[in-house]
Amino acid sequence: MLFKGLVFASCFALSLSVPASAFGSSFSPEQKQEIETIIHDYLMNNPQVLVEVAQTLDRQQKEAAKKQFDSVVESIVANRDLPRRGGGENPKHYLIDFFDYNCGYCKKIRPLTERLAKEHPDLQVIYVEFPILSATSIQAATIAAALYVKDKEKYFAYHDKLMAETKKIDSLDYIKAVVKEVGADFDELSALAKEQNVGMVLGQNISLGKTLAITGVPYMILDGQEIRGAINSYEALESMLNK
C-alpha cells in the first residue's frame, strides 16, 4: 500500500506539473494506461485523498484571500489622500467606511459609528467615496473629492450635510446649494476636479471595492473585520473593536 501510495503521489504530481502533450510523449501507451489504472485504483480505494486535496485547496484559497484582504486594508490605512478624522496622532483602531451619499442604510447606521468614534477617541474613521447608486452620487462624490483637496474642513462640513439628508439627492442644484452653504465655489471645485483628475481617485476607490468583492453599501472594515450591510446595534459594533 505504501509503495502504491508513493507511486500514486508521484504520478499525480507529475500529471499536474507536466503539460498534457509532454505527458503523452514521455510514456508509451501501455505505460500511460498502467499509470491511469494505478491512479484510478488508488482513488477508488482511498477516496479520502480527494477530501484532503479539497480541504487543502480550500485552506490555501482562504489564506491567499486573507493575505490579499490584509494588504488592501494596509494600503487604505496608509493612503493619506483619503479623508479621515479622529484617532489622534497614533490611532489604535481604524474604521474604513465605503459609502454613497444616496445610501439610506449608510445614513441609518451613521449615529452608531459617530457614537463609536466619540466614545473611543483612539478610533480613526477613514472615508472612501464609493458612488455606485446613481449619477447624482457620482456628481456629489466628485465635488467632495475636489473639496477635500481644496479645504478639508469644508469637505467634512459638506460630507456631514449630505449624510444628514434623509431625502434622495437627485439634483445638481441641491449639490450646488450645499457647496454654497459650506462656503465653497461650485465652479471652482468643478475645474479643480478636472485638474486633479478626481475621476481617477474615484476609479481607484471602485477598484478597491472590486478587490474586496463589495456588492453594495454600506460596507465597513473595523479593525480588520468586514461589516457587510447595516449593523443592528451599537453593542454589536463596539464588540468588534480589537481589545
C-alpha atoms as a PDB file:
ATOM      1  CA  MET A   1       0.000   0.000   0.000  1.00  0.00           C
ATOM      2  CA  LEU A   2       2.818   2.397   0.871  1.00  0.00           C
ATOM      3  CA  PHE A   3       4.546   1.681  -2.437  1.00  0.00           C
ATOM      4  CA  LYS A   4       1.362   2.248  -4.403  1.00  0.00           C
ATOM      5  CA  GLY A   5       0.725   5.412  -2.439  1.00  0.00           C
ATOM      6  CA  LEU A   6       4.145   6.724  -3.370  1.00  0.00           C
ATOM      7  CA  VAL A   7       3.624   5.775  -6.992  1.00  0.00           C
ATOM      8  CA  PHE A   8       0.242   7.477  -6.981  1.00  0.00           C
ATOM      9  CA  ALA A   9       1.596  10.638  -5.380  1.00  0.00           C
ATOM     10  CA  SER A  10       4.459  10.817  -7.868  1.00  0.00           C
ATOM     11  CA  CYS A  11       2.226  10.208 -10.849  1.00  0.00           C
ATOM     12  CA  PHE A  12      -0.460  12.574  -9.643  1.00  0.00           C
ATOM     13  CA  ALA A  13       2.065  15.347  -9.023  1.00  0.00           C
ATOM     14  CA  LEU A  14       3.629  14.682 -12.407  1.00  0.00           C
ATOM     15  CA  SER A  15       0.254  14.849 -14.125  1.00  0.00           C
ATOM     16  CA  LEU A  16      -0.350  18.281 -12.576  1.00  0.00           C
ATOM     17  CA  SER A  17       3.049  19.754 -13.373  1.00  0.00           C
ATOM     18  CA  VAL A  18       3.698  18.371 -16.843  1.00  0.00           C
ATOM     19  CA  PRO A  19       1.737  19.567 -19.903  1.00  0.00           C
ATOM     20  CA  ALA A  20      -0.579  17.005 -21.453  1.00  0.00           C
ATOM     21  CA  SER A  21       1.452  16.937 -24.675  1.00  0.00           C
ATOM     22  CA  ALA A  22       4.658  16.190 -22.766  1.00  0.00           C
ATOM     23  CA  PHE A  23       2.884  13.570 -20.666  1.00  0.00           C
ATOM     24  CA  GLY A  24       1.710  11.796 -23.797  1.00  0.00           C
ATOM     25  CA  SER A  25       5.169  11.757 -25.418  1.00  0.00           C
ATOM     26  CA  SER A  26       7.028  10.655 -22.253  1.00  0.00           C
ATOM     27  CA  PHE A  27       5.305   7.310 -21.881  1.00  0.00           C
ATOM     28  CA  SER A  28       4.242   4.528 -24.170  1.00  0.00           C
ATOM     29  CA  PRO A  29       0.501   3.841 -24.493  1.00  0.00           C
ATOM     30  CA  GLU A  30       0.946   0.773 -22.251  1.00  0.00           C
ATOM     31  CA  GLN A  31       2.769   2.802 -19.575  1.00  0.00           C
ATOM     32  CA  LYS A  32       0.186   5.556 -19.756  1.00  0.00           C
ATOM     33  CA  GLN A  33      -2.615   3.037 -19.318  1.00  0.00           C
ATOM     34  CA  GLU A  34      -0.845   1.478 -16.343  1.00  0.00           C
ATOM     35  CA  ILE A  35      -0.372   4.868 -14.653  1.00  0.00           C
ATOM     36  CA  GLU A  36      -4.022   5.758 -15.182  1.00  0.00           C
ATOM     37  CA  THR A  37      -5.055   2.418 -13.716  1.00  0.00           C
ATOM     38  CA  ILE A  38      -2.864   2.949 -10.647  1.00  0.00           C
ATOM     39  CA  ILE A  39      -4.311   6.408 -10.089  1.00  0.00           C
ATOM     40  CA  HIS A  40      -7.875   5.191 -10.606  1.00  0.00           C
ATOM     41  CA  ASP A  41      -7.493   2.230  -8.276  1.00  0.00           C
ATOM     42  CA  TYR A  42      -5.796   4.294  -5.604  1.00  0.00           C
ATOM     43  CA  LEU A  43      -8.570   6.907  -5.618  1.00  0.00           C
ATOM     44  CA  MET A  44     -11.266   4.244  -5.534  1.00  0.00           C
ATOM     45  CA  ASN A  45      -9.605   2.560  -2.556  1.00  0.00           C
ATOM     46  CA  ASN A  46      -8.664   5.830  -0.810  1.00  0.00           C
ATOM     47  CA  PRO A  47     -11.415   8.376  -1.560  1.00  0.00           C
ATOM     48  CA  GLN A  48     -10.395  10.377   1.500  1.00  0.00           C
ATOM     49  CA  VAL A  49      -7.428  11.608  -0.547  1.00  0.00           C
ATOM     50  CA  LEU A  50      -9.799  13.717  -2.642  1.00  0.00           C
ATOM     51  CA  VAL A  51     -11.335  15.150   0.509  1.00  0.00           C
ATOM     52  CA  GLU A  52      -7.877  16.008   1.817  1.00  0.00           C
ATOM     53  CA  VAL A  53      -6.948  17.633  -1.503  1.00  0.00           C
ATOM     54  CA  ALA A  54     -10.172  19.682  -1.474  1.00  0.00           C
ATOM     55  CA  GLN A  55      -9.584  20.749   2.130  1.00  0.00           C
ATOM     56  CA  THR A  56      -6.008  21.742   1.390  1.00  0.00           C
ATOM     57  CA  LEU A  57      -7.077  23.734  -1.664  1.00  0.00           C
ATOM     58  CA  ASP A  58      -9.825  25.458   0.322  1.00  0.00           C
ATOM     59  CA  ARG A  59      -7.366  26.368   3.085  1.00  0.00           C
ATOM     60  CA  GLN A  60      -4.831  27.720   0.613  1.00  0.00           C
ATOM     61  CA  GLN A  61      -7.502  29.807  -1.145  1.00  0.00           C
ATOM     62  CA  LYS A  62      -8.698  31.253   2.166  1.00  0.00           C
ATOM     63  CA  GLU A  63      -5.134  32.050   3.214  1.00  0.00           C
ATOM     64  CA  ALA A  64      -4.497  33.786  -0.120  1.00  0.00           C
ATOM     65  CA  ALA A  65      -7.755  35.756   0.173  1.00  0.00           C
ATOM     66  CA  LYS A  66      -6.898  36.799   3.736  1.00  0.00           C
ATOM     67  CA  LYS A  67      -3.438  37.916   2.648  1.00  0.00           C
ATOM     68  CA  GLN A  68      -4.924  39.992  -0.168  1.00  0.00           C
ATOM     69  CA  PHE A  69      -7.548  41.469   2.169  1.00  0.00           C
ATOM     70  CA  ASP A  70      -4.931  42.462   4.743  1.00  0.00           C
ATOM     71  CA  SER A  71      -2.823  44.033   2.001  1.00  0.00           C
ATOM     72  CA  VAL A  72      -5.758  46.142   0.773  1.00  0.00           C
ATOM     73  CA  VAL A  73      -6.586  47.270   4.309  1.00  0.00           C
ATOM     74  CA  GLU A  74      -2.966  48.266   4.908  1.00  0.00           C
ATOM     75  CA  SER A  75      -2.914  50.267   1.662  1.00  0.00           C
ATOM     76  CA  ILE A  76      -6.102  52.120   2.631  1.00  0.00           C
ATOM     77  CA  VAL A  77      -4.795  52.964   6.099  1.00  0.00           C
ATOM     78  CA  ALA A  78      -1.513  54.178   4.608  1.00  0.00           C
ATOM     79  CA  ASN A  79      -3.186  56.295   1.900  1.00  0.00           C
ATOM     80  CA  ARG A  80      -3.114  59.793   3.362  1.00  0.00           C
ATOM     81  CA  ASP A  81      -5.100  61.135   0.405  1.00  0.00           C
ATOM     82  CA  LEU A  82      -8.258  59.513   1.775  1.00  0.00           C
ATOM     83  CA  PRO A  83     -10.390  61.670   4.106  1.00  0.00           C
ATOM     84  CA  ARG A  84     -10.085  60.696   7.756  1.00  0.00           C
ATOM     85  CA  ARG A  85     -10.739  62.114  11.167  1.00  0.00           C
ATOM     86  CA  GLY A  86     -10.298  61.208  14.806  1.00  0.00           C
ATOM     87  CA  GLY A  87      -7.833  58.856  16.394  1.00  0.00           C
ATOM     88  CA  GLY A  88      -5.151  61.349  17.322  1.00  0.00           C
ATOM     89  CA  GLU A  89      -1.581  61.022  16.057  1.00  0.00           C
ATOM     90  CA  ASN A  90      -1.377  57.270  16.665  1.00  0.00           C
ATOM     91  CA  PRO A  91      -4.803  55.684  16.234  1.00  0.00           C
ATOM     92  CA  LYS A  92      -5.357  52.371  17.986  1.00  0.00           C
ATOM     93  CA  HIS A  93      -8.431  51.474  15.926  1.00  0.00           C
ATOM     94  CA  TYR A  94      -9.495  52.011  12.325  1.00  0.00           C
ATOM     95  CA  LEU A  95     -12.950  52.120  10.779  1.00  0.00           C
ATOM     96  CA  ILE A  96     -12.878  52.148   6.978  1.00  0.00           C
ATOM     97  CA  ASP A  97     -16.222  53.350   5.618  1.00  0.00           C
ATOM     98  CA  PHE A  98     -17.224  52.760   1.981  1.00  0.00           C
ATOM     99  CA  PHE A  99     -20.318  54.885   1.405  1.00  0.00           C
ATOM    100  CA  ASP A 100     -22.590  56.517  -1.143  1.00  0.00           C
ATOM    101  CA  TYR A 101     -24.320  59.833  -0.463  1.00  0.00           C
ATOM    102  CA  ASN A 102     -27.590  58.258  -1.613  1.00  0.00           C
ATOM    103  CA  CYS A 103     -27.287  55.180   0.591  1.00  0.00           C
ATOM    104  CA  GLY A 104     -30.130  55.193   3.109  1.00  0.00           C
ATOM    105  CA  TYR A 105     -28.625  52.440   5.245  1.00  0.00           C
ATOM    106  CA  CYS A 106     -25.268  54.245   5.316  1.00  0.00           C
ATOM    107  CA  LYS A 107     -27.078  57.172   6.882  1.00  0.00           C
ATOM    108  CA  LYS A 108     -29.111  54.942   9.194  1.00  0.00           C
ATOM    109  CA  ILE A 109     -26.020  53.450  10.853  1.00  0.00           C
ATOM    110  CA  ARG A 110     -24.147  56.766  10.962  1.00  0.00           C
ATOM    111  CA  PRO A 111     -25.271  57.573  14.557  1.00  0.00           C
ATOM    112  CA  LEU A 112     -23.722  54.265  15.632  1.00  0.00           C
ATOM    113  CA  THR A 113     -20.354  54.991  14.011  1.00  0.00           C
ATOM    114  CA  GLU A 114     -20.392  58.559  15.334  1.00  0.00           C
ATOM    115  CA  ARG A 115     -21.048  57.274  18.847  1.00  0.00           C
ATOM    116  CA  LEU A 116     -18.255  54.751  18.453  1.00  0.00           C
ATOM    117  CA  ALA A 117     -15.829  57.491  17.434  1.00  0.00           C
ATOM    118  CA  LYS A 118     -16.968  59.707  20.309  1.00  0.00           C
ATOM    119  CA  GLU A 119     -16.645  57.003  22.960  1.00  0.00           C
ATOM    120  CA  HIS A 120     -13.345  55.735  21.540  1.00  0.00           C
ATOM    121  CA  PRO A 121     -11.203  58.788  20.737  1.00  0.00           C
ATOM    122  CA  ASP A 122      -8.382  56.493  19.632  1.00  0.00           C
ATOM    123  CA  LEU A 123     -10.533  55.373  16.682  1.00  0.00           C
ATOM    124  CA  GLN A 124      -9.813  56.868  13.270  1.00  0.00           C
ATOM    125  CA  VAL A 125     -12.548  56.817  10.641  1.00  0.00           C
ATOM    126  CA  ILE A 126     -11.376  56.663   7.027  1.00  0.00           C
ATOM    127  CA  TYR A 127     -13.955  57.651   4.413  1.00  0.00           C
ATOM    128  CA  VAL A 128     -13.914  56.018   0.992  1.00  0.00           C
ATOM    129  CA  GLU A 129     -16.145  57.768  -1.528  1.00  0.00           C
ATOM    130  CA  PHE A 130     -17.902  54.894  -3.303  1.00  0.00           C
ATOM    131  CA  PRO A 131     -20.579  56.313  -5.635  1.00  0.00           C
ATOM    132  CA  ILE A 132     -22.400  53.320  -7.103  1.00  0.00           C
ATOM    133  CA  LEU A 133     -26.103  54.100  -6.713  1.00  0.00           C
ATOM    134  CA  SER A 134     -26.789  56.923  -9.171  1.00  0.00           C
ATOM    135  CA  ALA A 135     -25.364  59.548 -11.482  1.00  0.00           C
ATOM    136  CA  THR A 136     -26.031  62.157  -8.799  1.00  0.00           C
ATOM    137  CA  SER A 137     -23.987  60.058  -6.371  1.00  0.00           C
ATOM    138  CA  ILE A 138     -21.045  60.357  -8.762  1.00  0.00           C
ATOM    139  CA  GLN A 139     -21.523  64.120  -9.045  1.00  0.00           C
ATOM    140  CA  ALA A 140     -21.700  64.514  -5.268  1.00  0.00           C
ATOM    141  CA  ALA A 141     -18.610  62.365  -4.739  1.00  0.00           C
ATOM    142  CA  THR A 142     -16.665  64.199  -7.452  1.00  0.00           C
ATOM    143  CA  ILE A 143     -17.300  67.564  -5.810  1.00  0.00           C
ATOM    144  CA  ALA A 144     -16.499  66.045  -2.422  1.00  0.00           C
ATOM    145  CA  ALA A 145     -13.139  64.738  -3.584  1.00  0.00           C
ATOM    146  CA  ALA A 146     -12.249  68.110  -5.099  1.00  0.00           C
ATOM    147  CA  LEU A 147     -13.335  69.879  -1.916  1.00  0.00           C
ATOM    148  CA  TYR A 148     -11.125  67.616   0.177  1.00  0.00           C
ATOM    149  CA  VAL A 149      -8.139  68.702  -1.924  1.00  0.00           C
ATOM    150  CA  LYS A 150      -9.151  72.360  -1.623  1.00  0.00           C
ATOM    151  CA  ASP A 151     -10.258  72.598   2.016  1.00  0.00           C
ATOM    152  CA  LYS A 152     -10.513  69.613   4.350  1.00  0.00           C
ATOM    153  CA  GLU A 153     -12.628  71.433   6.920  1.00  0.00           C
ATOM    154  CA  LYS A 154     -15.192  72.409   4.303  1.00  0.00           C
ATOM    155  CA  TYR A 155     -15.104  68.859   2.947  1.00  0.00           C
ATOM    156  CA  PHE A 156     -16.316  67.475   6.262  1.00  0.00           C
ATOM    157  CA  ALA A 157     -18.997  70.172   6.512  1.00  0.00           C
ATOM    158  CA  TYR A 158     -20.208  69.160   3.035  1.00  0.00           C
ATOM    159  CA  HIS A 159     -19.912  65.458   3.823  1.00  0.00           C
ATOM    160  CA  ASP A 160     -21.858  65.750   7.084  1.00  0.00           C
ATOM    161  CA  LYS A 161     -24.582  67.824   5.423  1.00  0.00           C
ATOM    162  CA  LEU A 162     -25.139  65.288   2.639  1.00  0.00           C
ATOM    163  CA  MET A 163     -25.032  62.315   5.015  1.00  0.00           C
ATOM    164  CA  ALA A 164     -27.630  64.007   7.229  1.00  0.00           C
ATOM    165  CA  GLU A 165     -30.015  64.471   4.305  1.00  0.00           C
ATOM    166  CA  THR A 166     -32.883  61.996   4.584  1.00  0.00           C
ATOM    167  CA  LYS A 167     -34.202  62.534   1.067  1.00  0.00           C
ATOM    168  CA  LYS A 168     -32.558  61.166  -2.049  1.00  0.00           C
ATOM    169  CA  ILE A 169     -30.030  63.559  -3.535  1.00  0.00           C
ATOM    170  CA  ASP A 170     -31.282  63.668  -7.101  1.00  0.00           C
ATOM    171  CA  SER A 171     -30.341  67.075  -8.449  1.00  0.00           C
ATOM    172  CA  LEU A 172     -27.192  69.001  -9.175  1.00  0.00           C
ATOM    173  CA  ASP A 173     -28.898  72.127  -7.856  1.00  0.00           C
ATOM    174  CA  TYR A 174     -29.030  70.597  -4.377  1.00  0.00           C
ATOM    175  CA  ILE A 175     -25.311  69.793  -4.514  1.00  0.00           C
ATOM    176  CA  LYS A 176     -24.578  73.358  -5.613  1.00  0.00           C
ATOM    177  CA  ALA A 177     -26.670  74.690  -2.729  1.00  0.00           C
ATOM    178  CA  VAL A 178     -24.739  72.613  -0.185  1.00  0.00           C
ATOM    179  CA  VAL A 179     -21.417  73.706  -1.675  1.00  0.00           C
ATOM    180  CA  LYS A 180     -22.502  77.329  -1.304  1.00  0.00           C
ATOM    181  CA  GLU A 181     -23.736  76.671   2.247  1.00  0.00           C
ATOM    182  CA  VAL A 182     -20.311  75.410   3.346  1.00  0.00           C
ATOM    183  CA  GLY A 183     -18.624  78.455   1.841  1.00  0.00           C
ATOM    184  CA  ALA A 184     -17.129  76.947  -1.324  1.00  0.00           C
ATOM    185  CA  ASP A 185     -17.448  77.756  -5.015  1.00  0.00           C
ATOM    186  CA  PHE A 186     -19.017  75.081  -7.215  1.00  0.00           C
ATOM    187  CA  ASP A 187     -17.434  76.224 -10.497  1.00  0.00           C
ATOM    188  CA  GLU A 188     -14.019  76.384  -8.870  1.00  0.00           C
ATOM    189  CA  LEU A 189     -14.446  72.862  -7.495  1.00  0.00           C
ATOM    190  CA  SER A 190     -15.610  71.565 -10.878  1.00  0.00           C
ATOM    191  CA  ALA A 191     -12.467  72.967 -12.507  1.00  0.00           C
ATOM    192  CA  LEU A 192     -10.307  71.599  -9.698  1.00  0.00           C
ATOM    193  CA  ALA A 193     -11.873  68.167 -10.137  1.00  0.00           C
ATOM    194  CA  LYS A 194     -10.630  68.118 -13.729  1.00  0.00           C
ATOM    195  CA  GLU A 195      -7.186  69.461 -12.846  1.00  0.00           C
ATOM    196  CA  GLN A 196      -6.657  66.952 -10.038  1.00  0.00           C
ATOM    197  CA  ASN A 197      -8.115  64.088 -12.090  1.00  0.00           C
ATOM    198  CA  VAL A 198     -10.620  63.314  -9.360  1.00  0.00           C
ATOM    199  CA  GLY A 199     -12.226  60.754 -11.651  1.00  0.00           C
ATOM    200  CA  MET A 200      -9.093  58.618 -11.297  1.00  0.00           C
ATOM    201  CA  VAL A 201      -9.313  58.866  -7.495  1.00  0.00           C
ATOM    202  CA  LEU A 202     -12.903  57.656  -7.521  1.00  0.00           C
ATOM    203  CA  GLY A 203     -11.946  54.982 -10.018  1.00  0.00           C
ATOM    204  CA  GLN A 204      -9.284  53.729  -7.610  1.00  0.00           C
ATOM    205  CA  ASN A 205     -11.926  53.537  -4.885  1.00  0.00           C
ATOM    206  CA  ILE A 206     -14.166  51.482  -7.149  1.00  0.00           C
ATOM    207  CA  SER A 207     -11.196  49.241  -7.945  1.00  0.00           C
ATOM    208  CA  LEU A 208     -10.639  48.706  -4.216  1.00  0.00           C
ATOM    209  CA  GLY A 209     -14.273  47.728  -3.959  1.00  0.00           C
ATOM    210  CA  LYS A 210     -13.894  45.120  -6.680  1.00  0.00           C
ATOM    211  CA  THR A 211     -10.847  43.647  -4.965  1.00  0.00           C
ATOM    212  CA  LEU A 212     -12.817  43.432  -1.726  1.00  0.00           C
ATOM    213  CA  ALA A 213     -15.831  41.974  -3.583  1.00  0.00           C
ATOM    214  CA  ILE A 214     -18.089  44.785  -2.381  1.00  0.00           C
ATOM    215  CA  THR A 215     -21.526  44.303  -3.910  1.00  0.00           C
ATOM    216  CA  GLY A 216     -23.317  47.111  -2.096  1.00  0.00           C
ATOM    217  CA  VAL A 217     -23.144  49.730   0.621  1.00  0.00           C
ATOM    218  CA  PRO A 218     -22.837  50.198   3.494  1.00  0.00           C
ATOM    219  CA  TYR A 219     -19.583  48.297   3.685  1.00  0.00           C
ATOM    220  CA  MET A 220     -17.131  48.861   6.517  1.00  0.00           C
ATOM    221  CA  ILE A 221     -13.965  47.351   7.914  1.00  0.00           C
ATOM    222  CA  LEU A 222     -13.493  47.746  11.653  1.00  0.00           C
ATOM    223  CA  ASP A 223     -10.100  46.670  12.975  1.00  0.00           C
ATOM    224  CA  GLY A 224      -9.728  44.184  10.144  1.00  0.00           C
ATOM    225  CA  GLN A 225     -13.267  42.772  10.347  1.00  0.00           C
ATOM    226  CA  GLU A 226     -15.708  43.181   7.481  1.00  0.00           C
ATOM    227  CA  ILE A 227     -19.192  44.562   8.041  1.00  0.00           C
ATOM    228  CA  ARG A 228     -21.383  43.993   5.004  1.00  0.00           C
ATOM    229  CA  GLY A 229     -24.689  45.826   5.168  1.00  0.00           C
ATOM    230  CA  ALA A 230     -26.263  47.624   8.091  1.00  0.00           C
ATOM    231  CA  ILE A 231     -25.364  46.586  11.621  1.00  0.00           C
ATOM    232  CA  ASN A 232     -28.235  46.378  14.088  1.00  0.00           C
ATOM    233  CA  SER A 233     -26.858  47.689  17.370  1.00  0.00           C
ATOM    234  CA  TYR A 234     -24.118  49.779  18.888  1.00  0.00           C
ATOM    235  CA  GLU A 235     -23.139  46.896  21.157  1.00  0.00           C
ATOM    236  CA  ALA A 236     -22.561  44.642  18.150  1.00  0.00           C
ATOM    237  CA  LEU A 237     -20.417  47.312  16.521  1.00  0.00           C
ATOM    238  CA  GLU A 238     -18.371  48.064  19.618  1.00  0.00           C
ATOM    239  CA  SER A 239     -17.744  44.370  20.269  1.00  0.00           C
ATOM    240  CA  MET A 240     -15.762  44.198  17.029  1.00  0.00           C
ATOM    241  CA  LEU A 241     -13.059  46.554  18.293  1.00  0.00           C
ATOM    242  CA  ASN A 242      -9.742  44.869  18.962  1.00  0.00           C
ATOM    243  CA  LYS A 243      -9.138  44.866  22.689  1.00  0.00           C
END
